[in-house]
Amino acid sequence: MKRILILFLLFTTVGYSQEIALLKYNGGGDWYANPTSLPNLIKYCNQTINTNIKSKPATVEPGSPDIFSYPFVHLTGHGNIVFSDAEIVNLRNYMLSGGFIHADDNYGMDQYIRREIKRIFPNNDLVEIPANHPIFQKPNVFASGLPKIHEHDNKRPQAFGVFIENRLVFLYTVECDLGDGWEDPDVHNDPKEVREKALKMGANLLYYIFNN
């Protein structure tokens, strides 16, 4: 109950400077991939959707009590992800208490994140999120759902989620590479319109977190 109250106060305080975080996990995967992505997304959101997020994201470990300080936690990488039993419990409590995790497959972590999210929520399946869900509608409309940013296996981009009492608590984006699209322009040399599309989708995620 105390953690739920803390989350409520953190997420609803008017004018409070929010902070989001990057998840530093074990297992050998490069949790630190796309170092410029979150700072760029924060800057974009503060300029376009009137958020008040600290410019530098925090780094938080899955077993730390500090995770309860962040309404949005981003997870990315190309490889293996392993959570300890204690981390599984902490992550479950975080999401059940109002926290939100976005896992963005940077290509190569699919089998590992699916395994670990099943450990966190053994009784809840990852379900594909329909294009009419609010994350694709506000403030930017993505009529076809998750946009394609980078190509890997010639597959369509998909967004999967875990819902608890009709609330989206975990989002998994695959065959998309949102984080790549958020990076500095010279990292991947993406056209301006591609980066803008990725940033707009990212803005929708943070808008959803701060308005639901």
N, C-alpha and C. Protein backbone atom coordinates (compact mmCIF):
# COMPACT_ATOMS: atom_id res chain seq x y z
N MET A 1 0.83 -1.20 0.00
CA MET A 1 0.00 0.00 0.00
C MET A 1 0.87 1.27 0.00
N LYS A 2 1.96 1.24 0.77
CA LYS A 2 2.85 2.40 0.81
C LYS A 2 3.44 2.69 -0.55
N ARG A 3 3.86 1.63 -1.27
CA ARG A 3 4.44 1.84 -2.59
C ARG A 3 3.41 2.37 -3.56
N ILE A 4 2.17 1.89 -3.47
CA ILE A 4 1.12 2.37 -4.35
C ILE A 4 0.88 3.85 -4.12
N LEU A 5 0.88 4.28 -2.85
CA LEU A 5 0.69 5.69 -2.53
C LEU A 5 1.83 6.53 -3.07
N ILE A 6 3.06 6.03 -2.93
CA ILE A 6 4.23 6.76 -3.44
C ILE A 6 4.11 6.94 -4.94
N LEU A 7 3.75 5.86 -5.65
CA LEU A 7 3.59 5.95 -7.10
C LEU A 7 2.51 6.96 -7.47
N PHE A 8 1.40 6.92 -6.74
CA PHE A 8 0.30 7.85 -7.04
C PHE A 8 0.76 9.29 -6.89
N LEU A 9 1.47 9.57 -5.83
CA LEU A 9 1.94 10.93 -5.59
C LEU A 9 2.94 11.37 -6.65
N LEU A 10 3.84 10.46 -7.03
CA LEU A 10 4.85 10.78 -8.02
C LEU A 10 4.22 11.06 -9.38
N PHE A 11 3.20 10.27 -9.74
CA PHE A 11 2.64 10.36 -11.07
C PHE A 11 1.64 11.49 -11.23
N THR A 12 1.12 12.02 -10.11
CA THR A 12 0.02 12.97 -10.24
C THR A 12 0.34 14.37 -9.72
N THR A 13 1.51 14.57 -9.18
CA THR A 13 1.84 15.89 -8.64
C THR A 13 1.98 16.91 -9.77
N VAL A 14 1.16 17.93 -9.75
CA VAL A 14 1.16 18.94 -10.80
C VAL A 14 2.47 19.71 -10.78
N GLY A 15 3.10 19.82 -11.96
CA GLY A 15 4.32 20.59 -12.08
C GLY A 15 5.57 19.86 -11.62
N TYR A 16 5.41 18.66 -11.11
CA TYR A 16 6.55 17.90 -10.60
C TYR A 16 7.41 17.44 -11.77
N SER A 17 8.71 17.64 -11.65
CA SER A 17 9.62 17.22 -12.70
C SER A 17 9.78 15.70 -12.66
N GLN A 18 9.23 15.03 -13.65
CA GLN A 18 9.27 13.58 -13.69
C GLN A 18 10.63 13.09 -14.17
N GLU A 19 10.86 11.81 -13.94
CA GLU A 19 12.09 11.19 -14.40
C GLU A 19 11.76 9.80 -14.89
N ILE A 20 12.33 9.42 -16.02
CA ILE A 20 12.16 8.07 -16.54
C ILE A 20 13.50 7.35 -16.48
N ALA A 21 13.47 6.03 -16.66
CA ALA A 21 14.69 5.27 -16.42
C ALA A 21 14.92 4.20 -17.47
N LEU A 22 16.18 3.82 -17.60
CA LEU A 22 16.64 2.72 -18.43
C LEU A 22 16.96 1.54 -17.52
N LEU A 23 16.50 0.35 -17.89
CA LEU A 23 16.70 -0.83 -17.05
C LEU A 23 18.06 -1.48 -17.34
N LYS A 24 18.86 -1.62 -16.28
CA LYS A 24 20.17 -2.26 -16.37
C LYS A 24 20.03 -3.71 -15.88
N TYR A 25 19.90 -4.64 -16.81
CA TYR A 25 19.63 -6.03 -16.47
C TYR A 25 20.88 -6.90 -16.63
N ASN A 26 20.81 -8.12 -16.11
CA ASN A 26 21.89 -9.10 -16.25
C ASN A 26 21.57 -10.09 -17.37
N GLY A 27 22.55 -10.92 -17.69
CA GLY A 27 22.36 -11.96 -18.70
C GLY A 27 23.28 -11.83 -19.89
N GLY A 28 23.94 -10.70 -20.03
CA GLY A 28 24.89 -10.53 -21.13
C GLY A 28 24.40 -9.65 -22.26
N GLY A 29 23.11 -9.35 -22.29
CA GLY A 29 22.59 -8.47 -23.33
C GLY A 29 23.04 -7.03 -23.13
N ASP A 30 23.10 -6.28 -24.22
CA ASP A 30 23.60 -4.90 -24.15
C ASP A 30 22.47 -3.95 -23.76
N TRP A 31 22.18 -3.90 -22.47
CA TRP A 31 21.13 -3.04 -21.94
C TRP A 31 21.38 -1.56 -22.24
N TYR A 32 22.64 -1.23 -22.50
CA TYR A 32 23.08 0.15 -22.72
C TYR A 32 23.00 0.57 -24.18
N ALA A 33 22.42 -0.26 -25.05
CA ALA A 33 22.32 0.09 -26.46
C ALA A 33 21.51 1.38 -26.65
N ASN A 34 21.76 2.05 -27.75
CA ASN A 34 21.04 3.29 -28.09
C ASN A 34 21.16 4.37 -27.01
N PRO A 35 22.37 4.79 -26.68
CA PRO A 35 22.56 5.72 -25.56
C PRO A 35 21.92 7.09 -25.75
N THR A 36 21.70 7.51 -26.99
CA THR A 36 21.11 8.85 -27.20
C THR A 36 19.60 8.80 -27.35
N SER A 37 19.01 7.61 -27.34
CA SER A 37 17.58 7.50 -27.66
C SER A 37 16.68 8.15 -26.60
N LEU A 38 16.83 7.78 -25.34
CA LEU A 38 15.95 8.33 -24.31
C LEU A 38 16.14 9.84 -24.13
N PRO A 39 17.38 10.35 -24.09
CA PRO A 39 17.52 11.81 -23.99
C PRO A 39 16.82 12.55 -25.14
N ASN A 40 16.90 12.01 -26.34
CA ASN A 40 16.24 12.65 -27.47
C ASN A 40 14.71 12.57 -27.35
N LEU A 41 14.22 11.43 -26.89
CA LEU A 41 12.78 11.28 -26.72
C LEU A 41 12.27 12.24 -25.65
N ILE A 42 13.01 12.35 -24.55
CA ILE A 42 12.62 13.28 -23.49
C ILE A 42 12.55 14.71 -24.02
N LYS A 43 13.59 15.12 -24.73
CA LYS A 43 13.62 16.48 -25.29
C LYS A 43 12.43 16.71 -26.20
N TYR A 44 12.13 15.74 -27.05
CA TYR A 44 11.02 15.86 -27.99
C TYR A 44 9.69 15.99 -27.24
N CYS A 45 9.50 15.15 -26.23
CA CYS A 45 8.23 15.18 -25.48
C CYS A 45 8.07 16.48 -24.70
N ASN A 46 9.15 16.94 -24.09
CA ASN A 46 9.06 18.20 -23.35
C ASN A 46 8.72 19.38 -24.27
N GLN A 47 9.14 19.28 -25.53
CA GLN A 47 8.89 20.37 -26.47
C GLN A 47 7.52 20.26 -27.14
N THR A 48 6.99 19.04 -27.27
CA THR A 48 5.79 18.87 -28.09
C THR A 48 4.52 18.48 -27.34
N ILE A 49 4.65 17.79 -26.21
CA ILE A 49 3.43 17.36 -25.51
C ILE A 49 3.39 17.86 -24.06
N ASN A 50 4.22 18.87 -23.78
CA ASN A 50 4.17 19.58 -22.50
C ASN A 50 4.48 18.70 -21.29
N THR A 51 5.35 17.72 -21.48
CA THR A 51 5.83 16.97 -20.33
C THR A 51 6.91 17.79 -19.63
N ASN A 52 7.25 17.38 -18.43
CA ASN A 52 8.29 18.06 -17.66
C ASN A 52 9.22 16.99 -17.10
N ILE A 53 9.91 16.31 -18.01
CA ILE A 53 10.75 15.17 -17.66
C ILE A 53 12.21 15.63 -17.58
N LYS A 54 12.90 15.17 -16.57
CA LYS A 54 14.33 15.50 -16.45
C LYS A 54 15.07 15.05 -17.70
N SER A 55 15.99 15.89 -18.16
CA SER A 55 16.61 15.69 -19.47
C SER A 55 17.48 14.43 -19.53
N LYS A 56 18.04 14.03 -18.41
CA LYS A 56 18.89 12.84 -18.39
C LYS A 56 18.15 11.69 -17.72
N PRO A 57 17.93 10.59 -18.43
CA PRO A 57 17.23 9.46 -17.82
C PRO A 57 18.09 8.80 -16.74
N ALA A 58 17.43 8.21 -15.77
CA ALA A 58 18.14 7.45 -14.74
C ALA A 58 18.45 6.05 -15.26
N THR A 59 19.31 5.36 -14.55
CA THR A 59 19.57 3.95 -14.79
C THR A 59 19.17 3.21 -13.53
N VAL A 60 18.37 2.15 -13.69
CA VAL A 60 17.87 1.44 -12.53
C VAL A 60 17.98 -0.07 -12.75
N GLU A 61 18.28 -0.78 -11.68
CA GLU A 61 18.39 -2.24 -11.77
C GLU A 61 17.04 -2.87 -11.40
N PRO A 62 16.73 -4.02 -11.97
CA PRO A 62 15.39 -4.62 -11.80
C PRO A 62 15.05 -5.00 -10.36
N GLY A 63 16.05 -5.20 -9.52
CA GLY A 63 15.77 -5.57 -8.14
C GLY A 63 15.79 -4.41 -7.17
N SER A 64 16.04 -3.22 -7.68
CA SER A 64 16.19 -2.05 -6.80
C SER A 64 14.84 -1.47 -6.40
N PRO A 65 14.71 -1.04 -5.14
CA PRO A 65 13.48 -0.33 -4.74
C PRO A 65 13.35 1.02 -5.43
N ASP A 66 14.44 1.53 -5.99
CA ASP A 66 14.39 2.82 -6.68
C ASP A 66 13.49 2.79 -7.90
N ILE A 67 13.23 1.61 -8.44
CA ILE A 67 12.41 1.51 -9.65
C ILE A 67 11.02 2.11 -9.42
N PHE A 68 10.56 2.09 -8.16
CA PHE A 68 9.24 2.61 -7.84
C PHE A 68 9.17 4.14 -7.96
N SER A 69 10.31 4.78 -8.19
CA SER A 69 10.35 6.23 -8.36
C SER A 69 10.06 6.66 -9.80
N TYR A 70 10.01 5.69 -10.73
CA TYR A 70 9.91 6.03 -12.15
C TYR A 70 8.61 5.48 -12.75
N PRO A 71 7.79 6.35 -13.32
CA PRO A 71 6.55 5.87 -13.93
C PRO A 71 6.76 5.10 -15.22
N PHE A 72 7.91 5.30 -15.86
CA PHE A 72 8.21 4.67 -17.15
C PHE A 72 9.63 4.14 -17.11
N VAL A 73 9.79 2.84 -17.41
CA VAL A 73 11.10 2.22 -17.48
C VAL A 73 11.26 1.57 -18.85
N HIS A 74 12.36 1.90 -19.51
CA HIS A 74 12.65 1.42 -20.86
C HIS A 74 13.71 0.33 -20.81
N LEU A 75 13.51 -0.70 -21.61
CA LEU A 75 14.42 -1.84 -21.67
C LEU A 75 14.71 -2.12 -23.13
N THR A 76 15.99 -2.26 -23.47
CA THR A 76 16.34 -2.55 -24.86
C THR A 76 17.58 -3.43 -24.92
N GLY A 77 18.01 -3.78 -26.11
CA GLY A 77 19.20 -4.61 -26.28
C GLY A 77 19.06 -5.60 -27.41
N HIS A 78 20.14 -6.37 -27.63
CA HIS A 78 20.19 -7.33 -28.73
C HIS A 78 20.29 -8.78 -28.25
N GLY A 79 20.46 -9.01 -26.95
CA GLY A 79 20.77 -10.36 -26.52
C GLY A 79 20.03 -10.84 -25.30
N ASN A 80 20.72 -11.65 -24.51
CA ASN A 80 20.11 -12.36 -23.40
C ASN A 80 19.73 -11.43 -22.24
N ILE A 81 18.63 -11.77 -21.62
CA ILE A 81 18.13 -11.06 -20.44
C ILE A 81 17.80 -12.10 -19.38
N VAL A 82 18.33 -11.91 -18.17
CA VAL A 82 18.04 -12.85 -17.08
C VAL A 82 17.72 -12.06 -15.83
N PHE A 83 16.55 -12.34 -15.25
CA PHE A 83 16.16 -11.74 -13.98
C PHE A 83 16.24 -12.81 -12.89
N SER A 84 16.76 -12.43 -11.73
CA SER A 84 16.75 -13.34 -10.59
C SER A 84 15.33 -13.46 -10.06
N ASP A 85 15.11 -14.42 -9.17
CA ASP A 85 13.78 -14.59 -8.58
C ASP A 85 13.35 -13.33 -7.83
N ALA A 86 14.29 -12.71 -7.12
CA ALA A 86 13.97 -11.49 -6.38
C ALA A 86 13.63 -10.35 -7.33
N GLU A 87 14.34 -10.28 -8.45
CA GLU A 87 14.06 -9.24 -9.44
C GLU A 87 12.69 -9.45 -10.09
N ILE A 88 12.34 -10.70 -10.32
CA ILE A 88 11.02 -11.02 -10.88
C ILE A 88 9.92 -10.48 -9.97
N VAL A 89 10.06 -10.72 -8.67
CA VAL A 89 9.06 -10.25 -7.70
C VAL A 89 9.01 -8.73 -7.69
N ASN A 90 10.17 -8.09 -7.71
CA ASN A 90 10.21 -6.63 -7.67
C ASN A 90 9.58 -6.01 -8.92
N LEU A 91 9.88 -6.58 -10.08
CA LEU A 91 9.32 -6.06 -11.32
C LEU A 91 7.80 -6.27 -11.36
N ARG A 92 7.36 -7.42 -10.88
CA ARG A 92 5.91 -7.68 -10.83
C ARG A 92 5.22 -6.66 -9.92
N ASN A 93 5.79 -6.44 -8.75
CA ASN A 93 5.19 -5.49 -7.81
C ASN A 93 5.20 -4.07 -8.38
N TYR A 94 6.26 -3.74 -9.09
CA TYR A 94 6.36 -2.42 -9.70
C TYR A 94 5.22 -2.19 -10.69
N MET A 95 4.99 -3.16 -11.56
CA MET A 95 3.94 -2.99 -12.57
C MET A 95 2.55 -3.08 -11.96
N LEU A 96 2.38 -3.95 -10.98
CA LEU A 96 1.08 -4.04 -10.33
C LEU A 96 0.76 -2.78 -9.52
N SER A 97 1.79 -2.05 -9.11
CA SER A 97 1.61 -0.84 -8.30
C SER A 97 1.43 0.43 -9.14
N GLY A 98 1.43 0.28 -10.46
CA GLY A 98 1.22 1.44 -11.31
C GLY A 98 2.36 1.74 -12.26
N GLY A 99 3.47 1.01 -12.17
CA GLY A 99 4.60 1.25 -13.06
C GLY A 99 4.38 0.66 -14.44
N PHE A 100 5.18 1.12 -15.40
CA PHE A 100 5.05 0.70 -16.80
C PHE A 100 6.44 0.39 -17.35
N ILE A 101 6.58 -0.74 -18.03
CA ILE A 101 7.84 -1.12 -18.67
C ILE A 101 7.63 -1.24 -20.17
N HIS A 102 8.51 -0.62 -20.92
CA HIS A 102 8.53 -0.76 -22.38
C HIS A 102 9.80 -1.49 -22.79
N ALA A 103 9.64 -2.67 -23.37
CA ALA A 103 10.76 -3.45 -23.89
C ALA A 103 10.78 -3.29 -25.40
N ASP A 104 11.89 -2.78 -25.93
CA ASP A 104 12.03 -2.54 -27.36
C ASP A 104 13.11 -3.46 -27.90
N ASP A 105 12.71 -4.45 -28.70
CA ASP A 105 13.67 -5.41 -29.25
C ASP A 105 14.56 -4.70 -30.27
N ASN A 106 15.83 -4.62 -29.95
CA ASN A 106 16.80 -4.00 -30.85
C ASN A 106 17.35 -5.04 -31.82
N TYR A 107 16.64 -6.15 -31.91
CA TYR A 107 16.92 -7.31 -32.76
C TYR A 107 17.84 -8.30 -32.04
N GLY A 108 17.24 -9.40 -31.61
CA GLY A 108 18.02 -10.47 -31.00
C GLY A 108 17.60 -10.84 -29.59
N MET A 109 16.67 -10.10 -28.98
CA MET A 109 16.31 -10.42 -27.60
C MET A 109 14.92 -11.05 -27.47
N ASP A 110 14.28 -11.34 -28.60
CA ASP A 110 12.89 -11.78 -28.58
C ASP A 110 12.65 -12.99 -27.67
N GLN A 111 13.41 -14.06 -27.88
CA GLN A 111 13.18 -15.28 -27.10
C GLN A 111 13.43 -15.07 -25.61
N TYR A 112 14.34 -14.16 -25.29
CA TYR A 112 14.71 -13.96 -23.88
C TYR A 112 13.67 -13.10 -23.15
N ILE A 113 13.20 -12.04 -23.79
CA ILE A 113 12.22 -11.20 -23.10
C ILE A 113 10.89 -11.93 -22.97
N ARG A 114 10.55 -12.76 -23.95
CA ARG A 114 9.31 -13.53 -23.84
C ARG A 114 9.40 -14.53 -22.68
N ARG A 115 10.56 -15.12 -22.51
CA ARG A 115 10.75 -16.06 -21.39
C ARG A 115 10.64 -15.35 -20.05
N GLU A 116 11.26 -14.19 -19.94
CA GLU A 116 11.29 -13.49 -18.66
C GLU A 116 9.94 -12.87 -18.30
N ILE A 117 9.23 -12.35 -19.30
CA ILE A 117 7.93 -11.76 -18.97
C ILE A 117 6.95 -12.85 -18.55
N LYS A 118 7.14 -14.07 -19.07
CA LYS A 118 6.29 -15.18 -18.64
C LYS A 118 6.59 -15.56 -17.20
N ARG A 119 7.82 -15.37 -16.77
CA ARG A 119 8.16 -15.61 -15.37
C ARG A 119 7.54 -14.54 -14.48
N ILE A 120 7.48 -13.31 -14.98
CA ILE A 120 6.89 -12.23 -14.18
C ILE A 120 5.38 -12.40 -14.06
N PHE A 121 4.75 -12.71 -15.18
CA PHE A 121 3.29 -12.87 -15.20
C PHE A 121 2.93 -14.23 -15.80
N PRO A 122 3.10 -15.31 -15.02
CA PRO A 122 2.86 -16.65 -15.56
C PRO A 122 1.42 -16.90 -15.99
N ASN A 123 0.49 -16.15 -15.46
CA ASN A 123 -0.91 -16.36 -15.78
C ASN A 123 -1.47 -15.37 -16.79
N ASN A 124 -0.58 -14.55 -17.35
CA ASN A 124 -1.02 -13.55 -18.33
C ASN A 124 -0.20 -13.69 -19.60
N ASP A 125 -0.89 -13.78 -20.73
CA ASP A 125 -0.21 -13.92 -22.01
C ASP A 125 0.12 -12.55 -22.60
N LEU A 126 1.19 -12.52 -23.39
CA LEU A 126 1.44 -11.35 -24.22
C LEU A 126 0.41 -11.36 -25.34
N VAL A 127 -0.33 -10.28 -25.48
CA VAL A 127 -1.35 -10.20 -26.52
C VAL A 127 -1.03 -9.04 -27.45
N GLU A 128 -1.32 -9.22 -28.72
CA GLU A 128 -1.06 -8.14 -29.66
C GLU A 128 -2.03 -6.99 -29.40
N ILE A 129 -1.49 -5.78 -29.41
CA ILE A 129 -2.28 -4.59 -29.11
C ILE A 129 -2.90 -4.06 -30.39
N PRO A 130 -4.22 -3.91 -30.43
CA PRO A 130 -4.88 -3.46 -31.66
C PRO A 130 -4.59 -2.00 -31.97
N ALA A 131 -4.76 -1.64 -33.24
CA ALA A 131 -4.43 -0.29 -33.70
C ALA A 131 -5.35 0.77 -33.11
N ASN A 132 -6.50 0.37 -32.55
CA ASN A 132 -7.39 1.36 -31.95
C ASN A 132 -7.10 1.63 -30.48
N HIS A 133 -6.03 1.02 -29.95
CA HIS A 133 -5.65 1.28 -28.56
C HIS A 133 -5.16 2.72 -28.42
N PRO A 134 -5.37 3.36 -27.26
CA PRO A 134 -4.95 4.75 -27.08
C PRO A 134 -3.48 5.04 -27.37
N ILE A 135 -2.58 4.07 -27.21
CA ILE A 135 -1.17 4.36 -27.48
C ILE A 135 -0.92 4.67 -28.95
N PHE A 136 -1.85 4.28 -29.81
CA PHE A 136 -1.72 4.57 -31.24
C PHE A 136 -2.62 5.73 -31.69
N GLN A 137 -3.32 6.34 -30.74
CA GLN A 137 -4.31 7.35 -31.11
C GLN A 137 -4.03 8.74 -30.59
N LYS A 138 -3.30 8.85 -29.46
CA LYS A 138 -3.10 10.16 -28.84
C LYS A 138 -1.65 10.34 -28.42
N PRO A 139 -1.12 11.54 -28.63
CA PRO A 139 -1.68 12.66 -29.37
C PRO A 139 -1.48 12.54 -30.88
N ASN A 140 -0.73 11.49 -31.31
CA ASN A 140 -0.48 11.28 -32.73
C ASN A 140 -1.19 10.01 -33.19
N VAL A 141 -1.82 10.08 -34.34
CA VAL A 141 -2.59 8.94 -34.83
C VAL A 141 -1.73 8.04 -35.70
N PHE A 142 -1.67 6.77 -35.32
CA PHE A 142 -1.04 5.73 -36.12
C PHE A 142 -2.13 4.72 -36.47
N ALA A 143 -2.79 4.98 -37.59
CA ALA A 143 -3.99 4.23 -37.95
C ALA A 143 -3.73 2.75 -38.13
N SER A 144 -2.50 2.39 -38.49
CA SER A 144 -2.16 0.98 -38.72
C SER A 144 -1.43 0.36 -37.53
N GLY A 145 -1.33 1.09 -36.43
CA GLY A 145 -0.62 0.58 -35.27
C GLY A 145 0.85 0.93 -35.30
N LEU A 146 1.66 0.09 -34.71
CA LEU A 146 3.10 0.36 -34.55
C LEU A 146 3.78 0.63 -35.90
N PRO A 147 4.52 1.73 -36.01
CA PRO A 147 5.20 2.03 -37.28
C PRO A 147 6.48 1.22 -37.46
N LYS A 148 6.90 1.08 -38.69
CA LYS A 148 8.15 0.41 -39.02
C LYS A 148 9.26 1.45 -39.09
N ILE A 149 10.32 1.24 -38.31
CA ILE A 149 11.45 2.17 -38.32
C ILE A 149 12.65 1.56 -39.03
N HIS A 150 13.05 0.35 -38.63
CA HIS A 150 14.16 -0.35 -39.29
C HIS A 150 13.73 -1.75 -39.72
N GLU A 151 14.27 -2.19 -40.83
CA GLU A 151 13.94 -3.51 -41.38
C GLU A 151 14.95 -4.55 -40.91
N HIS A 152 14.46 -5.74 -40.54
CA HIS A 152 15.34 -6.85 -40.19
C HIS A 152 15.00 -8.09 -40.99
N ASP A 153 13.84 -8.66 -40.73
CA ASP A 153 13.47 -9.93 -41.34
C ASP A 153 12.27 -9.82 -42.28
N ASN A 154 12.02 -8.62 -42.77
CA ASN A 154 10.89 -8.41 -43.68
C ASN A 154 9.57 -8.83 -43.04
N LYS A 155 9.46 -8.58 -41.74
CA LYS A 155 8.23 -8.88 -41.02
C LYS A 155 7.58 -7.58 -40.57
N ARG A 156 6.29 -7.63 -40.35
CA ARG A 156 5.58 -6.42 -39.95
C ARG A 156 5.90 -6.08 -38.49
N PRO A 157 5.90 -4.81 -38.14
CA PRO A 157 6.11 -4.43 -36.74
C PRO A 157 4.91 -4.83 -35.90
N GLN A 158 5.17 -5.26 -34.67
CA GLN A 158 4.10 -5.67 -33.78
C GLN A 158 4.33 -5.12 -32.38
N ALA A 159 3.23 -4.79 -31.74
CA ALA A 159 3.25 -4.35 -30.35
C ALA A 159 2.45 -5.36 -29.53
N PHE A 160 3.10 -5.92 -28.52
CA PHE A 160 2.45 -6.87 -27.63
C PHE A 160 2.40 -6.27 -26.23
N GLY A 161 1.42 -6.69 -25.46
CA GLY A 161 1.31 -6.15 -24.12
C GLY A 161 0.78 -7.14 -23.11
N VAL A 162 1.02 -6.82 -21.86
CA VAL A 162 0.39 -7.51 -20.75
C VAL A 162 -0.57 -6.53 -20.10
N PHE A 163 -1.81 -6.95 -19.96
CA PHE A 163 -2.85 -6.13 -19.36
C PHE A 163 -3.24 -6.70 -18.00
N ILE A 164 -3.29 -5.84 -17.01
CA ILE A 164 -3.76 -6.22 -15.68
C ILE A 164 -4.98 -5.36 -15.37
N GLU A 165 -6.13 -6.01 -15.24
CA GLU A 165 -7.40 -5.30 -15.01
C GLU A 165 -7.58 -4.20 -16.06
N ASN A 166 -7.37 -4.58 -17.31
CA ASN A 166 -7.55 -3.70 -18.47
C ASN A 166 -6.55 -2.56 -18.55
N ARG A 167 -5.53 -2.58 -17.70
CA ARG A 167 -4.47 -1.55 -17.77
C ARG A 167 -3.23 -2.15 -18.39
N LEU A 168 -2.71 -1.49 -19.41
CA LEU A 168 -1.47 -1.93 -20.05
C LEU A 168 -0.31 -1.63 -19.12
N VAL A 169 0.39 -2.68 -18.66
CA VAL A 169 1.50 -2.50 -17.72
C VAL A 169 2.85 -2.82 -18.35
N PHE A 170 2.82 -3.61 -19.43
CA PHE A 170 4.07 -4.00 -20.10
C PHE A 170 3.86 -3.96 -21.60
N LEU A 171 4.72 -3.25 -22.28
CA LEU A 171 4.66 -3.12 -23.74
C LEU A 171 5.92 -3.70 -24.35
N TYR A 172 5.73 -4.55 -25.34
CA TYR A 172 6.87 -5.13 -26.05
C TYR A 172 6.74 -4.81 -27.53
N THR A 173 7.70 -4.05 -28.07
CA THR A 173 7.70 -3.70 -29.49
C THR A 173 8.79 -4.49 -30.21
N VAL A 174 8.39 -5.11 -31.34
CA VAL A 174 9.29 -6.00 -32.06
C VAL A 174 9.19 -5.73 -33.56
N GLU A 175 10.29 -5.98 -34.28
CA GLU A 175 10.37 -5.71 -35.72
C GLU A 175 10.05 -4.25 -36.04
N CYS A 176 10.54 -3.38 -35.17
CA CYS A 176 10.24 -1.96 -35.29
C CYS A 176 11.47 -1.10 -35.07
N ASP A 177 12.15 -1.30 -33.93
CA ASP A 177 13.33 -0.52 -33.56
C ASP A 177 13.01 0.95 -33.28
N LEU A 178 12.04 1.17 -32.41
CA LEU A 178 11.73 2.54 -32.02
C LEU A 178 12.96 3.26 -31.48
N GLY A 179 13.71 2.58 -30.61
CA GLY A 179 14.87 3.20 -29.99
C GLY A 179 15.91 3.67 -30.99
N ASP A 180 16.08 2.92 -32.08
CA ASP A 180 17.00 3.35 -33.14
C ASP A 180 16.52 4.66 -33.74
N GLY A 181 15.21 4.76 -33.92
CA GLY A 181 14.65 5.98 -34.49
C GLY A 181 14.76 7.19 -33.59
N TRP A 182 14.90 6.96 -32.29
CA TRP A 182 15.06 8.07 -31.35
C TRP A 182 16.49 8.58 -31.27
N GLU A 183 17.44 7.81 -31.77
CA GLU A 183 18.85 8.18 -31.62
C GLU A 183 19.21 9.42 -32.44
N ASP A 184 20.42 9.94 -32.17
CA ASP A 184 20.91 11.10 -32.92
C ASP A 184 20.88 10.81 -34.42
N PRO A 185 20.62 11.83 -35.24
CA PRO A 185 20.48 11.61 -36.68
C PRO A 185 21.66 10.92 -37.35
N ASP A 186 22.88 11.18 -36.86
CA ASP A 186 24.06 10.62 -37.52
C ASP A 186 24.38 9.19 -37.09
N VAL A 187 23.61 8.62 -36.18
CA VAL A 187 23.88 7.25 -35.73
C VAL A 187 23.46 6.24 -36.79
N HIS A 188 22.25 6.40 -37.31
CA HIS A 188 21.73 5.46 -38.31
C HIS A 188 21.44 6.13 -39.65
N ASN A 189 21.62 7.45 -39.70
CA ASN A 189 21.36 8.21 -40.93
C ASN A 189 19.94 8.00 -41.45
N ASP A 190 19.01 7.91 -40.53
CA ASP A 190 17.61 7.77 -40.92
C ASP A 190 17.10 9.09 -41.51
N PRO A 191 16.21 9.01 -42.50
CA PRO A 191 15.58 10.23 -43.00
C PRO A 191 14.82 10.94 -41.89
N LYS A 192 14.68 12.24 -42.03
CA LYS A 192 14.01 13.04 -41.00
C LYS A 192 12.61 12.53 -40.72
N GLU A 193 11.88 12.12 -41.76
CA GLU A 193 10.50 11.67 -41.57
C GLU A 193 10.43 10.36 -40.78
N VAL A 194 11.45 9.51 -40.90
CA VAL A 194 11.50 8.26 -40.15
C VAL A 194 11.74 8.54 -38.68
N ARG A 195 12.70 9.42 -38.39
CA ARG A 195 12.97 9.78 -37.00
C ARG A 195 11.74 10.45 -36.37
N GLU A 196 11.08 11.31 -37.14
CA GLU A 196 9.89 11.99 -36.63
C GLU A 196 8.79 10.99 -36.30
N LYS A 197 8.64 10.00 -37.13
CA LYS A 197 7.63 8.97 -36.89
C LYS A 197 7.94 8.20 -35.61
N ALA A 198 9.21 7.85 -35.41
CA ALA A 198 9.61 7.13 -34.20
C ALA A 198 9.39 7.99 -32.96
N LEU A 199 9.77 9.26 -33.03
CA LEU A 199 9.61 10.15 -31.88
C LEU A 199 8.14 10.38 -31.56
N LYS A 200 7.31 10.50 -32.58
CA LYS A 200 5.88 10.68 -32.33
C LYS A 200 5.28 9.45 -31.64
N MET A 201 5.72 8.26 -32.06
CA MET A 201 5.23 7.05 -31.40
C MET A 201 5.72 7.01 -29.96
N GLY A 202 6.96 7.39 -29.73
CA GLY A 202 7.47 7.46 -28.37
C GLY A 202 6.72 8.45 -27.52
N ALA A 203 6.35 9.58 -28.12
CA ALA A 203 5.57 10.59 -27.40
C ALA A 203 4.21 10.03 -27.01
N ASN A 204 3.62 9.20 -27.87
CA ASN A 204 2.35 8.57 -27.52
C ASN A 204 2.48 7.69 -26.29
N LEU A 205 3.60 6.99 -26.18
CA LEU A 205 3.81 6.11 -25.02
C LEU A 205 3.85 6.94 -23.73
N LEU A 206 4.62 8.00 -23.74
CA LEU A 206 4.73 8.81 -22.53
C LEU A 206 3.44 9.58 -22.25
N TYR A 207 2.75 9.98 -23.28
CA TYR A 207 1.45 10.62 -23.10
C TYR A 207 0.50 9.65 -22.40
N TYR A 208 0.52 8.41 -22.84
CA TYR A 208 -0.34 7.38 -22.23
C TYR A 208 0.00 7.20 -20.75
N ILE A 209 1.28 7.16 -20.44
CA ILE A 209 1.72 6.95 -19.05
C ILE A 209 1.26 8.09 -18.15
N PHE A 210 1.42 9.32 -18.62
CA PHE A 210 1.14 10.47 -17.78
C PHE A 210 -0.32 10.91 -17.79
N ASN A 211 -1.15 10.27 -18.62
CA ASN A 211 -2.55 10.70 -18.72
C ASN A 211 -3.54 9.57 -18.47
N ASN A 212 -3.09 8.45 -17.95
CA ASN A 212 -3.99 7.34 -17.68
C ASN A 212 -3.74 6.79 -16.27
